[in-house]
């Protein structure tokens, strides 16, 4: 989390968001953000829908400020939430404010429930990609990829090569390693990012997560994903992206420079994520189904319009 954000309202939202993460043990800060926005709707005491929408937007701004490396997922998830919560409001514009609040809360809660089911749905769809004796490469310590590995039946034994770098937080690597090592059917090997080219020729398939799935079907993810994808493409290895639909974003980068700087850089102004174009992606495994990169734009139109 980021440092203190001034202002009593800011503090209230910040504390609420962090409590949802700590108490609920959310699998994604994006889900904690949605819970925060629903709470904002429930406790709004204004007299107009416009005031409520503005308060939600202000809560989104505050949450985005304090989410750190999860900002991309939180940003797209909050945008989708606002879209769902205000769905069909025009049809009840003349109704009482209480009715409008109830409508927004109901629609927002439905969206929250879809988000909560997303990781399990994606992991369940991704696990069958792994066959007995498979050698897979995993990059970026993704929670949904981890869940997919854990769902592979115990009688299917495989080897996972898991990348790490000096930029990775030690606790993140240890947590990922601990969870994978609990699975008796997985043989794990941790390698440095610089070893990817050497090991790729022995790999059967590559699994990565995503911090955002962008409008053209590419992804934004932990720096180094592009290098992994290029290497996999060169050696004819399939690369599968496991991503929840709440990470689908309207961002449309054409190159690395098009990635907004607010997402691109991490601590000490070092590049934290890179953009992987759709041509390097075999398939996206999502809670909305198995998607080719070219199908992502249609899904986004359906989700946002």
Protein backbone atom coordinates (compact mmCIF):
# COMPACT_ATOMS: atom_id res chain seq x y z
CA UNK A 1 0.00 0.00 0.00
CA UNK A 2 1.04 3.59 -0.51
CA UNK A 3 1.66 6.17 2.14
CA UNK A 4 -0.92 8.25 3.98
CA UNK A 5 -3.44 10.11 1.83
CA UNK A 6 -4.56 13.46 3.32
CA UNK A 7 -8.19 14.34 4.01
CA UNK A 8 -10.76 12.72 6.31
CA UNK A 9 -12.78 11.28 3.42
CA UNK A 10 -9.62 9.93 1.84
CA UNK A 11 -8.67 8.29 5.12
CA UNK A 12 -12.11 6.75 5.51
CA UNK A 13 -12.00 5.17 2.05
CA UNK A 14 -8.37 4.11 2.48
CA UNK A 15 -9.06 2.41 5.82
CA UNK A 16 -12.18 0.74 4.48
CA UNK A 17 -10.30 -0.63 1.47
CA UNK A 18 -7.41 -1.92 3.56
CA UNK A 19 -9.82 -3.50 6.04
CA UNK A 20 -11.54 -5.40 3.24
CA UNK A 21 -8.15 -6.76 2.16
CA UNK A 22 -7.01 -7.64 5.69
CA UNK A 23 -10.26 -9.05 7.06
CA UNK A 24 -11.58 -10.67 3.92
CA UNK A 25 -8.22 -12.02 2.75
CA UNK A 26 -9.21 -11.04 -0.77
CA UNK A 27 -7.46 -12.82 -3.61
CA UNK A 28 -7.30 -9.55 -5.51
CA UNK A 29 -7.22 -5.91 -4.36
CA UNK A 30 -9.66 -5.27 -7.22
CA UNK A 31 -12.33 -7.25 -5.37
CA UNK A 32 -11.63 -5.31 -2.17
CA UNK A 33 -12.04 -2.13 -4.24
CA UNK A 34 -15.47 -3.25 -5.45
CA UNK A 35 -16.54 -3.98 -1.87
CA UNK A 36 -15.42 -0.47 -0.95
CA UNK A 37 -17.52 1.05 -3.73
CA UNK A 38 -20.60 -0.92 -2.70
CA UNK A 39 -20.11 0.34 0.86
CA UNK A 40 -19.90 3.87 -0.56
CA UNK A 41 -23.29 3.42 -2.24
CA UNK A 42 -24.86 1.99 0.90
CA UNK A 43 -23.70 4.91 3.05
CA UNK A 44 -24.37 7.76 0.63
CA UNK A 45 -26.72 10.38 2.09
CA UNK A 46 -27.03 12.75 -0.88
CA UNK A 47 -30.28 13.58 -2.62
CA UNK A 48 -29.39 13.02 -6.30
CA UNK A 49 -27.99 10.25 -8.46
CA UNK A 50 -25.37 12.62 -9.82
CA UNK A 51 -24.04 13.25 -6.31
CA UNK A 52 -23.80 9.51 -5.71
CA UNK A 53 -21.99 8.89 -9.00
CA UNK A 54 -19.53 11.66 -8.17
CA UNK A 55 -18.91 10.14 -4.74
CA UNK A 56 -18.24 6.75 -6.35
CA UNK A 57 -15.79 8.36 -8.78
CA UNK A 58 -14.02 10.08 -5.89
CA UNK A 59 -13.78 6.77 -4.02
CA UNK A 60 -12.30 5.19 -7.16
CA UNK A 61 -9.70 7.96 -7.34
CA UNK A 62 -8.71 7.39 -3.71
CA UNK A 63 -8.51 3.60 -4.05
CA UNK A 64 -6.42 3.87 -7.22
CA UNK A 65 -4.01 6.17 -5.39
CA UNK A 66 -3.20 3.61 -2.70
CA UNK A 67 -3.19 0.31 -4.59
CA UNK A 68 0.42 0.36 -5.74
CA UNK A 69 1.28 -2.39 -8.21
CA UNK A 70 -2.36 -3.53 -8.38
CA UNK A 71 -3.49 -0.21 -9.83
CA UNK A 72 -4.07 -1.56 -13.34
CA UNK A 73 -6.46 -4.30 -12.24
CA UNK A 74 -8.18 -2.02 -9.75
CA UNK A 75 -8.62 0.71 -12.35
CA UNK A 76 -10.26 -1.54 -14.94
CA UNK A 77 -12.37 -3.32 -12.32
CA UNK A 78 -13.67 -0.04 -10.90
CA UNK A 79 -14.50 1.24 -14.39
CA UNK A 80 -16.50 -1.92 -15.06
CA UNK A 81 -18.21 -1.62 -11.68
CA UNK A 82 -19.36 1.91 -12.43
CA UNK A 83 -20.68 0.74 -15.78
CA UNK A 84 -22.67 -2.07 -14.16
CA UNK A 85 -23.90 -0.04 -11.18
CA UNK A 86 -25.35 2.69 -13.39
CA UNK A 87 -26.86 0.25 -15.87
CA UNK A 88 -30.44 1.18 -16.82
CA UNK A 89 -30.49 4.13 -14.41
CA UNK A 90 -32.10 6.26 -17.12
CA UNK A 91 -35.20 4.11 -16.84
CA UNK A 92 -35.70 5.08 -13.18
CA UNK A 93 -34.33 8.63 -13.26
CA UNK A 94 -37.62 10.06 -11.99
CA UNK A 95 -37.90 7.53 -9.17
CA UNK A 96 -37.03 8.15 -5.55
CA UNK A 97 -33.36 8.31 -4.62
CA UNK A 98 -33.76 5.24 -2.42
CA UNK A 99 -34.87 3.22 -5.43
CA UNK A 100 -31.87 4.40 -7.44
CA UNK A 101 -29.51 3.48 -4.61
CA UNK A 102 -31.05 0.03 -4.32
CA UNK A 103 -30.72 -0.49 -8.07
CA UNK A 104 -27.05 0.53 -8.06
CA UNK A 105 -26.31 -1.63 -5.04
CA UNK A 106 -28.02 -4.65 -6.61
CA UNK A 107 -26.21 -4.28 -9.93
CA UNK A 108 -22.90 -3.64 -8.16
CA UNK A 109 -23.38 -6.72 -5.99
CA UNK A 110 -24.08 -8.88 -9.04
CA UNK A 111 -20.82 -7.62 -10.55
CA UNK A 112 -18.97 -8.35 -7.29
CA UNK A 113 -20.24 -11.93 -7.32
CA UNK A 114 -18.96 -12.42 -10.87
CA UNK A 115 -15.56 -11.06 -9.83
CA UNK A 116 -15.42 -13.39 -6.83
CA UNK A 117 -16.08 -16.42 -9.03
CA UNK A 118 -13.63 -15.34 -11.71
CA UNK A 119 -10.38 -16.81 -10.36
CA UNK A 120 -11.93 -20.25 -9.81
CA UNK A 121 -13.49 -20.24 -13.29
CA UNK A 122 -10.23 -19.22 -14.97
CA UNK A 123 -8.16 -21.71 -12.98
CA UNK A 124 -10.62 -24.51 -13.76
CA UNK A 125 -10.37 -23.72 -17.47
CA UNK A 126 -6.58 -23.46 -17.37
CA UNK A 127 -5.76 -26.64 -15.45
CA UNK A 128 -6.67 -29.03 -18.34
CA UNK A 129 -3.92 -27.45 -20.45
CA UNK A 130 -1.39 -29.35 -18.35
CA UNK A 131 -0.87 -32.99 -19.28
CA UNK A 132 1.03 -35.82 -17.62
CA UNK A 133 4.78 -35.31 -18.00
CA UNK A 134 4.40 -31.72 -19.20
CA UNK A 135 7.18 -29.20 -18.76
CA UNK A 136 5.73 -25.73 -18.30
CA UNK A 137 7.22 -22.28 -17.82
CA UNK A 138 5.48 -19.92 -15.41
CA UNK A 139 6.21 -16.20 -15.33
CA UNK A 140 4.99 -13.44 -12.96
CA UNK A 141 3.79 -15.25 -9.79
CA UNK A 142 0.16 -14.86 -10.83
CA UNK A 143 -2.47 -15.91 -8.29
CA UNK A 144 -4.77 -17.32 -10.96
CA UNK A 145 -1.92 -19.34 -12.52
CA UNK A 146 -1.08 -20.69 -9.08
CA UNK A 147 -4.69 -21.76 -8.58
CA UNK A 148 -4.66 -23.50 -11.98
CA UNK A 149 -1.53 -25.46 -11.04
CA UNK A 150 -3.14 -26.53 -7.76
CA UNK A 151 -6.25 -27.78 -9.59
CA UNK A 152 -4.33 -30.21 -11.80
CA UNK A 153 -5.32 -33.76 -10.69
CA UNK A 154 -2.76 -35.49 -8.48
CA UNK A 155 -2.28 -38.34 -10.94
CA UNK A 156 -0.95 -35.87 -13.51
CA UNK A 157 2.69 -35.21 -12.70
CA UNK A 158 4.51 -32.33 -14.36
CA UNK A 159 7.47 -29.99 -14.03
CA UNK A 160 7.09 -26.25 -13.58
CA UNK A 161 9.95 -23.89 -14.34
CA UNK A 162 9.19 -20.69 -12.43
CA UNK A 163 10.99 -17.46 -13.24
CA UNK A 164 12.25 -14.96 -10.70
CA UNK A 165 14.34 -11.82 -10.80
CA UNK A 166 16.14 -9.49 -8.44
CA UNK A 167 13.13 -7.15 -8.66
CA UNK A 168 10.76 -9.74 -7.18
CA UNK A 169 9.81 -9.25 -3.56
CA UNK A 170 11.28 -12.12 -1.54
CA UNK A 171 7.98 -12.78 0.26
CA UNK A 172 6.09 -13.09 -3.05
CA UNK A 173 8.53 -15.73 -4.33
CA UNK A 174 8.44 -17.60 -1.02
CA UNK A 175 4.63 -17.59 -0.91
CA UNK A 176 4.38 -18.87 -4.49
CA UNK A 177 7.05 -21.52 -3.88
CA UNK A 178 5.38 -22.63 -0.65
CA UNK A 179 1.99 -23.09 -2.31
CA UNK A 180 3.40 -24.97 -5.32
CA UNK A 181 5.59 -27.19 -3.15
CA UNK A 182 2.49 -28.40 -1.30
CA UNK A 183 1.41 -30.14 -4.53
CA UNK A 184 3.08 -33.56 -4.62
CA UNK A 185 2.55 -33.92 -8.37
CA UNK A 186 4.57 -30.79 -9.25
CA UNK A 187 8.35 -30.75 -9.58
CA UNK A 188 9.49 -27.14 -9.34
CA UNK A 189 12.60 -25.45 -10.65
CA UNK A 190 13.22 -21.76 -10.02
CA UNK A 191 15.24 -19.96 -12.68
CA UNK A 192 16.41 -16.42 -13.30
CA UNK A 193 14.81 -14.38 -16.07
CA UNK A 194 18.12 -14.53 -17.92
CA UNK A 195 17.84 -18.33 -18.24
CA UNK A 196 14.56 -18.29 -20.18
CA UNK A 197 16.15 -18.56 -23.62
CA UNK A 198 18.24 -21.53 -22.55
CA UNK A 199 15.37 -23.49 -21.01
CA UNK A 200 12.63 -22.63 -23.53
CA UNK A 201 13.52 -25.35 -26.05
CA UNK A 202 12.65 -28.01 -23.45
CA UNK A 203 9.31 -26.42 -22.50
CA UNK A 204 5.91 -27.67 -23.70
CA UNK A 205 3.87 -24.58 -22.89
CA UNK A 206 4.06 -21.21 -21.14
CA UNK A 207 1.56 -19.88 -18.60
CA UNK A 208 1.41 -16.23 -17.58
CA UNK A 209 -1.07 -14.03 -15.79
CA UNK A 210 -1.90 -10.45 -16.70
CA UNK A 211 -2.28 -7.19 -14.85
CA UNK A 212 -4.45 -5.97 -17.71
CA UNK A 213 -5.84 -7.32 -20.97
CA UNK A 214 -5.89 -4.40 -23.39
CA UNK A 215 -8.26 -3.54 -26.19
CA UNK A 216 -6.31 -5.15 -29.04
CA UNK A 217 -5.93 -8.48 -27.23
CA UNK A 218 -2.44 -7.86 -25.92
CA UNK A 219 -1.55 -7.78 -22.23
CA UNK A 220 0.24 -5.64 -19.71
CA UNK A 221 2.12 -7.75 -17.19
CA UNK A 222 5.25 -8.01 -15.09
CA UNK A 223 8.31 -6.77 -16.96
CA UNK A 224 9.95 -9.65 -18.78
CA UNK A 225 6.68 -11.09 -20.09
CA UNK A 226 7.42 -9.69 -23.54
CA UNK A 227 10.83 -11.39 -23.56
CA UNK A 228 9.23 -14.69 -22.55
CA UNK A 229 6.57 -14.31 -25.25
CA UNK A 230 9.07 -13.51 -28.02
CA UNK A 231 11.22 -16.47 -27.03
CA UNK A 232 8.19 -18.79 -26.94
CA UNK A 233 7.03 -17.60 -30.36
CA UNK A 234 10.48 -18.10 -31.87
CA UNK A 235 10.62 -21.68 -30.56
CA UNK A 236 6.99 -22.48 -31.47
CA UNK A 237 5.84 -22.90 -27.88
CA UNK A 238 2.22 -21.98 -27.04
CA UNK A 239 1.75 -19.12 -24.59
CA UNK A 240 -1.49 -19.01 -22.63
CA UNK A 241 -2.65 -15.99 -20.64
CA UNK A 242 -4.83 -16.69 -17.61
CA UNK A 243 -6.77 -13.56 -16.70
CA UNK A 244 -10.00 -12.56 -15.00
CA UNK A 245 -12.37 -10.44 -17.08
CA UNK A 246 -12.30 -7.65 -14.50
CA UNK A 247 -8.78 -7.00 -15.79
CA UNK A 248 -10.07 -6.19 -19.28
CA UNK A 249 -9.12 -2.58 -19.96
CA UNK A 250 -9.88 0.03 -22.61
CA UNK A 251 -6.18 0.95 -22.78
CA UNK A 252 -4.92 0.53 -26.37
CA UNK A 253 -1.10 0.61 -26.49
CA UNK A 254 0.72 0.09 -29.77
CA UNK A 255 4.18 -0.04 -28.21
CA UNK A 256 5.93 0.23 -24.84
CA UNK A 257 5.85 4.03 -24.89
CA UNK A 258 2.05 3.98 -25.10
CA UNK A 259 1.73 2.31 -21.69
CA UNK A 260 0.65 5.07 -19.28
CA UNK A 261 3.55 6.05 -17.04
CA UNK A 262 1.35 5.82 -13.94
CA UNK A 263 1.24 2.06 -14.52
CA UNK A 264 4.62 1.53 -16.15
CA UNK A 265 6.95 2.51 -13.31
CA UNK A 266 7.39 1.08 -9.84
CA UNK A 267 9.72 1.85 -6.96
CA UNK A 268 12.83 3.89 -7.75
CA UNK A 269 11.30 4.79 -11.12
CA UNK A 270 12.15 1.35 -12.53
CA UNK A 271 10.03 -0.20 -15.26
CA UNK A 272 7.58 -2.59 -13.61
CA UNK A 273 5.41 -3.85 -16.50
CA UNK A 274 5.73 -4.30 -20.23
CA UNK A 275 3.30 -4.66 -23.11
CA UNK A 276 3.02 -7.97 -24.96
CA UNK A 277 1.33 -7.62 -28.39
CA UNK A 278 -1.45 -10.07 -29.33
CA UNK A 279 0.65 -11.78 -32.02
CA UNK A 280 2.66 -13.52 -29.30
CA UNK A 281 -0.39 -14.88 -27.45
CA UNK A 282 -1.86 -18.27 -28.33
CA UNK A 283 -5.04 -18.00 -26.26
CA UNK A 284 -6.52 -16.10 -23.33
CA UNK A 285 -8.13 -18.27 -20.67
CA UNK A 286 -10.81 -16.13 -18.98
CA UNK A 287 -14.01 -16.46 -16.97
CA UNK A 288 -15.83 -15.38 -20.14
CA UNK A 289 -14.44 -18.37 -22.01
CA UNK A 290 -11.40 -19.21 -24.12
CA UNK A 291 -10.64 -16.18 -26.27
CA UNK A 292 -8.31 -15.55 -29.16
CA UNK A 293 -6.64 -12.14 -28.95
CA UNK A 294 -8.81 -10.89 -31.83
CA UNK A 295 -11.97 -11.72 -29.84
CA UNK A 296 -11.02 -9.47 -26.93
CA UNK A 297 -12.25 -6.27 -28.58
CA UNK A 298 -15.73 -7.75 -29.05
CA UNK A 299 -15.80 -8.81 -25.40
CA UNK A 300 -14.80 -5.32 -24.30
CA UNK A 301 -17.56 -3.76 -26.38
CA UNK A 302 -20.07 -6.07 -24.75
CA UNK A 303 -18.75 -5.32 -21.27
CA UNK A 304 -18.47 -1.54 -21.52
CA UNK A 305 -21.32 -0.58 -23.87
